[in-house]
Protein backbone atom coordinates (compact mmCIF):
# COMPACT_ATOMS: atom_id res chain seq x y z
CA MET A 1 117.25 129.04 75.94
CA ALA A 2 113.96 130.95 75.95
CA GLY A 3 114.04 133.90 78.31
CA MET A 4 110.59 133.44 79.87
CA ARG A 5 109.78 130.37 81.92
CA HIS A 6 106.32 128.78 82.15
CA TYR A 7 105.85 126.58 85.22
CA LEU A 8 103.31 123.87 84.38
CA ASP A 9 104.12 121.21 86.96
CA TYR A 10 101.73 122.06 89.80
CA ASN A 11 100.99 118.39 90.54
CA ALA A 12 104.65 117.94 91.45
CA SER A 13 104.66 121.07 93.61
CA ALA A 14 102.51 124.17 93.40
CA PRO A 15 104.25 127.54 93.81
CA LEU A 16 104.05 128.98 97.30
CA ARG A 17 101.13 131.38 97.48
CA PRO A 18 102.04 134.96 98.54
CA ALA A 19 99.54 135.00 101.42
CA VAL A 20 100.98 131.70 102.67
CA ARG A 21 104.52 133.08 102.49
CA GLU A 22 103.49 135.96 104.75
CA VAL A 23 102.03 133.59 107.33
CA VAL A 24 105.15 131.39 107.27
CA LEU A 25 107.51 134.35 107.71
CA ARG A 26 105.50 135.66 110.67
CA ALA A 27 105.50 132.20 112.25
CA PHE A 28 109.29 132.02 111.97
CA GLU A 29 109.41 134.92 114.42
CA GLU A 30 107.89 132.75 117.15
CA VAL A 31 110.81 131.32 119.12
CA GLY A 32 108.93 129.04 121.48
CA ASN A 33 108.63 125.26 121.40
CA PRO A 34 104.89 124.53 121.11
CA SER A 35 105.20 121.96 123.92
CA SER A 36 106.55 124.55 126.38
CA VAL A 37 104.19 126.07 128.94
CA HIS A 38 105.60 129.61 128.92
CA ALA A 39 104.10 132.45 126.87
CA GLU A 40 106.39 131.89 123.90
CA GLY A 41 105.50 128.21 123.78
CA ARG A 42 101.81 128.97 124.09
CA ARG A 43 101.97 131.35 121.14
CA ALA A 44 103.62 128.68 118.97
CA HIS A 45 101.06 126.14 120.13
CA ALA A 46 98.24 128.52 119.25
CA LEU A 47 99.51 128.78 115.66
CA ILE A 48 99.38 124.99 115.34
CA GLU A 49 95.89 124.74 116.76
CA ALA A 50 94.61 127.50 114.48
CA ALA A 51 96.05 125.64 111.49
CA ARG A 52 94.50 122.39 112.71
CA GLU A 53 91.09 124.05 112.53
CA GLU A 54 91.81 125.26 108.99
CA VAL A 55 92.89 121.81 107.79
CA ALA A 56 89.85 120.24 109.45
CA ALA A 57 87.57 122.72 107.69
CA LEU A 58 89.04 121.75 104.32
CA ALA A 59 88.58 118.04 105.07
CA GLY A 60 85.12 118.27 106.59
CA ALA A 61 86.45 116.88 109.87
CA ARG A 62 86.96 117.74 113.53
CA PRO A 63 90.19 119.55 114.49
CA ARG A 64 90.95 116.87 117.10
CA ASP A 65 91.14 114.29 114.29
CA VAL A 66 93.91 116.10 112.36
CA VAL A 67 97.49 114.90 112.94
CA PHE A 68 100.36 116.80 111.34
CA THR A 69 103.25 114.96 109.65
CA SER A 70 106.29 115.80 107.52
CA GLY A 71 104.28 115.34 104.31
CA GLY A 72 101.92 113.12 102.37
CA SER A 73 104.32 110.18 102.18
CA GLU A 74 104.74 109.98 105.94
CA ALA A 75 101.02 110.37 106.40
CA ASN A 76 100.37 107.48 104.02
CA ASN A 77 103.00 105.27 105.65
CA THR A 78 101.58 106.00 109.10
CA VAL A 79 97.98 105.01 108.42
CA MET A 80 98.65 101.94 106.25
CA THR A 81 99.00 99.56 109.18
CA PRO A 82 97.10 96.49 110.42
CA SER A 83 96.73 98.38 113.71
CA LEU A 84 94.26 100.85 112.16
CA ARG A 85 90.97 100.39 114.01
CA ARG A 86 87.43 101.75 113.98
CA GLU A 87 85.68 101.45 117.32
CA PRO A 88 83.74 99.52 118.44
CA SER A 89 84.68 97.05 115.69
CA PHE A 90 87.51 94.66 116.47
CA THR A 91 87.62 92.98 113.06
CA THR A 92 91.16 92.08 112.05
CA LEU A 93 92.66 93.88 109.05
CA ALA A 94 94.38 90.94 107.38
CA LEU A 95 94.84 92.40 103.90
CA HIS A 96 95.85 95.68 102.30
CA LEU A 97 94.28 96.37 98.90
CA MET A 98 95.78 99.21 96.86
CA GLY A 99 94.83 100.59 93.48
CA ALA A 100 97.30 99.61 90.78
CA GLY A 101 97.87 103.28 89.94
CA GLU A 102 98.62 104.54 93.44
CA HIS A 103 101.48 106.84 94.41
CA ALA A 104 104.80 105.16 95.26
CA SER A 105 104.40 106.04 98.95
CA VAL A 106 101.31 103.79 99.00
CA LEU A 107 102.56 100.97 96.80
CA SER A 108 105.89 100.68 98.65
CA GLY A 109 104.98 102.19 102.02
CA SER A 110 102.46 99.70 103.39
CA ARG A 111 103.21 98.35 106.87
CA PHE A 112 101.26 95.17 106.18
CA PRO A 113 103.32 91.99 105.64
CA GLU A 114 104.35 91.64 102.02
CA ASN A 115 102.15 88.57 101.52
CA ALA A 116 99.15 90.57 102.76
CA ARG A 117 99.35 93.27 100.07
CA GLU A 118 97.45 93.10 96.79
CA THR A 119 96.66 95.55 94.00
CA ILE A 120 93.25 96.38 92.59
CA PRO A 121 93.05 96.36 88.77
CA ILE A 122 92.20 99.55 86.91
CA ASP A 123 90.55 99.90 83.51
CA GLY A 124 91.79 101.67 80.39
CA ASN A 125 90.80 105.03 81.86
CA GLY A 126 92.50 104.32 85.18
CA VAL A 127 89.32 103.70 87.21
CA VAL A 128 89.43 100.95 89.83
CA ASP A 129 87.40 97.75 89.49
CA ILE A 130 84.80 97.90 92.28
CA ASP A 131 83.57 94.38 91.50
CA PHE A 132 87.09 93.09 92.16
CA ILE A 133 87.11 94.76 95.58
CA ASP A 134 83.71 93.29 96.42
CA ALA A 135 84.69 89.76 95.38
CA ARG A 136 88.07 89.89 97.15
CA LEU A 137 86.61 91.13 100.44
CA ARG A 138 83.82 88.57 100.31
CA ARG A 139 86.32 85.77 99.77
CA LEU A 140 88.52 87.06 102.61
CA ALA A 141 85.55 87.14 104.99
CA ASN A 142 84.50 83.62 104.02
CA GLU A 143 88.01 82.23 104.40
CA SER A 144 89.09 83.85 107.65
CA GLY A 145 86.40 86.15 108.99
CA ALA A 146 88.83 89.03 108.51
CA THR A 147 88.61 92.15 106.40
CA ALA A 148 90.91 94.65 104.67
CA LEU A 149 92.22 98.18 104.47
CA VAL A 150 91.63 99.64 101.01
CA SER A 151 93.86 102.53 99.90
CA LEU A 152 92.90 104.69 96.91
CA GLN A 153 93.91 108.05 95.53
CA ALA A 154 90.96 110.39 95.26
CA ALA A 155 92.59 111.56 92.03
CA ASN A 156 95.58 110.17 90.20
CA SER A 157 98.65 112.40 90.21
CA GLU A 158 99.65 111.50 86.64
CA THR A 159 96.38 111.38 84.70
CA GLY A 160 94.10 113.36 87.03
CA VAL A 161 91.50 110.56 86.91
CA VAL A 162 89.05 110.75 89.82
CA GLN A 163 88.00 107.54 91.57
CA PRO A 164 84.37 106.63 92.46
CA LEU A 165 85.06 106.79 96.19
CA ALA A 166 81.49 106.69 97.48
CA GLY A 167 80.83 103.47 95.55
CA VAL A 168 84.06 101.93 96.80
CA ALA A 169 83.28 102.96 100.38
CA GLU A 170 79.86 101.29 100.26
CA VAL A 171 81.46 98.00 99.25
CA VAL A 172 84.34 98.27 101.73
CA HIS A 173 82.12 99.09 104.69
CA ARG A 174 79.60 96.39 103.77
CA HIS A 175 82.40 93.90 104.37
CA GLY A 176 83.58 95.61 107.57
CA GLY A 177 86.71 97.10 106.00
CA LEU A 178 88.31 100.52 106.22
CA LEU A 179 88.91 103.01 103.41
CA HIS A 180 92.04 105.16 103.28
CA VAL A 181 91.84 107.97 100.72
CA ASP A 182 95.05 109.62 99.53
CA ALA A 183 93.67 113.11 98.93
CA VAL A 184 97.04 114.75 98.23
CA GLN A 185 96.28 115.57 94.58
CA ALA A 186 92.54 116.16 95.01
CA ALA A 187 92.74 118.79 97.74
CA GLY A 188 92.20 122.27 96.42
CA LYS A 189 90.99 120.95 93.07
CA LEU A 190 87.93 118.97 94.19
CA SER A 191 85.73 119.29 97.25
CA VAL A 192 87.29 117.18 100.01
CA ASP A 193 84.44 115.69 102.03
CA MET A 194 85.25 112.68 104.20
CA ALA A 195 81.59 111.95 104.89
CA ALA A 196 80.55 112.09 101.22
CA TRP A 197 83.54 109.97 100.23
CA GLY A 198 82.93 107.47 103.04
CA ALA A 199 86.60 107.72 103.99
CA ASP A 200 87.83 106.41 107.34
CA VAL A 201 91.13 108.27 107.01
CA ILE A 202 92.51 110.71 104.45
CA THR A 203 96.02 112.02 103.84
CA LEU A 204 97.06 115.49 102.71
CA SER A 205 100.16 117.48 101.70
CA ALA A 206 100.68 121.25 101.93
CA HIS A 207 102.90 121.89 98.93
CA LYS A 208 100.38 120.53 96.43
CA ILE A 209 97.97 123.37 97.29
CA GLY A 210 100.39 126.30 97.40
CA GLY A 211 101.64 125.66 100.92
CA PRO A 212 105.21 125.00 102.09
CA LYS A 213 107.08 121.79 101.40
CA GLY A 214 107.74 119.35 104.22
CA VAL A 215 104.37 119.31 105.98
CA GLY A 216 101.26 117.15 105.63
CA ALA A 217 98.58 115.50 107.72
CA PHE A 218 96.35 112.52 108.15
CA VAL A 219 92.74 113.00 109.22
CA THR A 220 90.59 110.27 110.74
CA ARG A 221 86.84 109.98 111.09
CA PRO A 222 85.55 109.82 114.68
CA GLY A 223 86.32 106.46 116.26
CA VAL A 224 89.18 105.57 113.90
CA GLU A 225 92.61 105.23 115.50
CA VAL A 226 96.15 104.36 114.41
CA ARG A 227 97.34 102.19 117.29
CA GLU A 228 100.88 101.52 116.09
CA ARG A 229 102.75 104.81 115.85
CA LEU A 230 105.31 105.34 113.10
CA VAL A 231 107.35 108.14 114.74
CA ARG A 232 107.80 107.46 118.45
CA GLY A 233 109.16 109.66 121.19
CA GLY A 234 107.38 112.52 122.93
CA GLY A 235 103.66 113.10 123.19
CA GLN A 236 103.26 115.61 120.39
CA GLU A 237 100.17 115.51 118.15
CA GLY A 238 98.13 113.80 120.82
CA GLY A 239 100.73 111.03 121.01
CA TYR A 240 100.20 110.04 117.37
CA ARG A 241 103.37 111.61 115.94
CA ALA A 242 106.43 112.40 118.06
CA GLY A 243 108.85 115.24 117.39
CA THR A 244 108.69 119.00 117.72
CA GLU A 245 106.17 120.31 115.21
CA ASN A 246 107.15 122.35 112.15
CA VAL A 247 105.33 125.44 113.42
CA ALA A 248 105.95 127.71 110.42
CA GLY A 249 105.16 124.95 107.93
CA ILE A 250 101.98 123.99 109.74
CA ALA A 251 100.84 127.62 109.93
CA GLY A 252 101.41 127.95 106.18
CA PHE A 253 99.57 124.68 105.57
CA GLY A 254 96.55 126.02 107.43
CA LYS A 255 96.49 129.22 105.40
CA ALA A 256 96.83 127.26 102.14
CA CYS A 257 93.86 125.09 103.17
CA THR A 258 91.71 128.15 103.83
CA LEU A 259 92.60 129.68 100.47
CA ALA A 260 91.97 126.37 98.68
CA ARG A 261 88.58 125.98 100.31
CA ASP A 262 87.48 129.56 99.75
CA GLU A 263 88.57 129.65 96.09
CA LEU A 264 87.60 126.13 95.01
CA ALA A 265 84.78 127.08 92.63
CA ASP A 266 86.85 129.74 90.88
CA TYR A 267 89.87 127.41 90.73
CA ALA A 268 87.89 124.61 89.11
CA ALA A 269 86.36 126.93 86.51
CA LEU A 270 89.68 128.57 85.66
CA THR A 271 91.76 125.42 85.38
CA GLY A 272 89.04 123.43 83.64
CA ALA A 273 88.85 126.04 80.89
CA LEU A 274 92.64 126.10 80.59
CA ARG A 275 92.80 122.31 80.34
CA ASP A 276 90.10 122.05 77.69
CA GLY A 277 91.70 124.81 75.65
CA LEU A 278 95.11 123.21 75.92
CA GLU A 279 93.87 119.82 74.76
CA ALA A 280 92.12 121.44 71.78
CA ARG A 281 95.44 123.09 70.84
CA LEU A 282 97.29 119.78 71.20
CA ARG A 283 94.95 118.13 68.71
CA LEU A 284 95.65 120.92 66.24
CA VAL A 285 99.38 120.23 66.61
CA GLU A 286 98.95 116.49 66.12
CA PRO A 287 95.50 114.91 65.54
CA GLY A 288 96.89 111.57 66.76
CA VAL A 289 97.67 112.84 70.25
CA VAL A 290 96.19 110.57 72.93
CA VAL A 291 94.87 112.12 76.16
CA PHE A 292 94.97 109.56 78.96
CA GLY A 293 91.86 109.11 81.09
CA ALA A 294 89.77 111.27 78.76
CA GLY A 295 86.83 108.89 79.14
CA ALA A 296 86.68 109.34 82.94
CA SER A 297 86.13 112.17 85.37
CA ARG A 298 89.41 114.07 85.77
CA LEU A 299 90.93 116.87 87.81
CA PRO A 300 90.32 120.19 86.05
CA ASN A 301 94.01 121.16 86.19
CA THR A 302 95.65 118.06 84.74
CA SER A 303 96.30 116.80 81.22
CA ALA A 304 98.40 113.72 80.49
CA PHE A 305 99.01 112.87 76.83
CA ALA A 306 101.37 111.31 74.31
CA ILE A 307 102.13 110.94 70.63
CA ASP A 308 102.97 107.40 69.62
CA GLY A 309 106.67 106.85 69.03
CA LEU A 310 107.97 110.04 70.68
CA LYS A 311 109.99 109.61 73.89
CA ALA A 312 109.16 111.60 77.02
CA GLU A 313 112.80 112.04 77.99
CA THR A 314 113.59 113.79 74.70
CA LEU A 315 110.42 115.86 74.80
CA LEU A 316 111.07 117.01 78.37
CA MET A 317 114.59 118.18 77.59
CA MET A 318 113.57 120.02 74.43
CA LEU A 319 110.57 121.65 76.09
CA ASP A 320 112.74 122.72 79.01
CA LEU A 321 115.02 124.51 76.56
CA GLU A 322 111.92 126.27 75.24
CA GLY A 323 111.11 127.49 78.75
CA MET A 324 108.47 124.89 79.62
CA ALA A 325 108.55 123.16 83.02
CA VAL A 326 106.42 120.02 82.65
CA SER A 327 106.91 116.40 83.67
CA SER A 328 106.27 112.84 82.70
CA GLY A 329 104.20 112.40 85.86
CA SER A 330 105.14 110.68 89.10
CA ALA A 331 107.12 108.18 87.03
CA CYS A 332 109.93 110.77 86.96
CA SER A 333 112.11 109.94 89.94
CA SER A 334 115.52 111.29 90.90
CA GLY A 335 115.95 112.86 87.50
CA LYS A 336 115.25 109.63 85.62
CA VAL A 337 112.28 109.11 83.32
CA ARG A 338 110.74 105.66 83.58
CA ARG A 339 107.66 104.20 81.95
CA SER A 340 104.65 105.03 84.09
CA HIS A 341 103.31 102.17 86.22
CA VAL A 342 99.92 103.91 86.03
CA LEU A 343 99.79 103.74 82.23
CA THR A 344 101.11 100.18 82.28
CA ALA A 345 98.27 99.17 84.63
CA MET A 346 95.82 100.92 82.28
CA GLY A 347 97.04 98.67 79.45
CA ILE A 348 98.60 101.49 77.42
CA ALA A 349 101.02 100.26 74.73
CA PRO A 350 104.70 100.80 75.65
CA SER A 351 105.41 102.89 72.54
CA LEU A 352 102.72 105.32 73.68
CA ALA A 353 103.36 105.18 77.43
CA GLU A 354 107.05 105.97 76.95
CA GLY A 355 106.11 109.34 75.49
CA ALA A 356 103.68 110.43 78.19
CA LEU A 357 103.82 114.04 79.33
CA ARG A 358 101.85 115.68 82.12
CA VAL A 359 100.92 119.35 82.11
CA SER A 360 99.42 120.59 85.39
CA PHE A 361 98.58 124.12 86.40
CA GLY A 362 96.88 126.14 89.09
CA TRP A 363 96.38 129.42 90.88
CA GLY A 364 99.09 131.33 88.99
CA SER A 365 98.46 129.90 85.51
CA THR A 366 97.10 131.87 82.55
CA GLU A 367 95.85 131.45 79.03
CA ALA A 368 99.22 132.80 77.88
CA ASP A 369 100.92 129.80 79.53
CA MET A 370 98.73 127.43 77.52
CA GLU A 371 99.36 129.27 74.27
CA SER A 372 103.11 129.36 74.90
CA PHE A 373 103.17 125.65 75.69
CA ALA A 374 101.22 124.81 72.52
CA THR A 375 103.66 126.88 70.46
CA ALA A 376 106.68 125.18 72.04
CA PHE A 377 105.07 121.75 71.69
CA ARG A 378 104.36 122.36 68.01
CA LYS A 379 107.99 123.35 67.46
CA VAL A 380 109.44 120.39 69.36
CA VAL A 381 107.10 117.78 67.90
CA GLY A 382 107.65 119.10 64.39
CA ALA A 383 111.41 118.84 64.80
CA LEU A 384 111.22 115.28 66.16
CA ILE A 385 108.82 114.07 63.47
CA SER A 386 111.00 115.60 60.75
CA ARG A 387 114.04 113.95 62.25
CA ARG A 388 112.24 110.59 62.39
CA LYS A 389 111.15 110.90 58.74
CA GLY A 390 114.73 111.70 57.74
CA LEU A 391 116.05 108.64 59.55
CA ASN A 392 113.39 106.42 57.97
CA ALA A 393 114.21 107.76 54.51
CA ALA A 394 117.90 107.03 55.03
């Protein structure tokens, strides 16, 4: 096994940033329950409220509209409910439309009845069909006078493809609907602006931006409310999410949001250059390599690609032995590699989709990481192609 490891799976979980670690460790020293009225409790509560302001600043929102959760999945599950409302409108949300390439927590976490969930087609680059949304909402309004909740990732976790949120929002709001934006992968890589996106609610996760695992948030625009709570009990988080808050995790989340916001321009320039250089190297290894979503706007830190006929499971194991930590995207679950539902929805041929790899990087990545990956990839691909030629000759 190669002695030096290269971590290139930031979209799965970014390494904890040193400045965030310091904040988390200091917060662990606070013994008080943030709901207690004594001095210790007030200090813990103050850490949460400071972090709430930092998350709100990242999202372009008011602190009072930030609700902390255990992560992005819980945040998504919480807001995807027919009880979501925007005052003073009382239009019934009778349908939940979700992009065909959404994260599993959206596709399987909706609290709408099963017969009230539908997927929005995506094109060969992974971009949603806005005309489909328009037609479906118009038909729903004509049939029942109702409208829908539309859930979309700002950016896809596997391909990095960025969705045209402002255009979607215009259509959704024209029909009286609500737009939920899963901003988990976009935060820290793109500017998160609820107003510019036209989002009614967004969801976030700390560990994707160099914060601690196990903490996230949903953020609503003024007047939007989740009336049916997912976690019930005490009155924490303004009554929206019961349970004693993860004070240290939330404090770290806030610091990660501040760093992400302050360093966004530098981050985008750094990772964009790394991505473009990596993809140029990949084409030198194998001219037939296919980069997914290359015809659309993408996150600067993400490259998803494949070589026809090579299997991702084999590639991942061989690259791991060469010291490369990469993935096959969100399709990798519980240690098993499955064909990506995102690539299937994009119409990618199975022989190509089964070989999809995702390389994602971030604040700690360097040009040396890209060069080392290209070298390892050349070695692994060469061995597999030689083996395939030998088998065909036999």
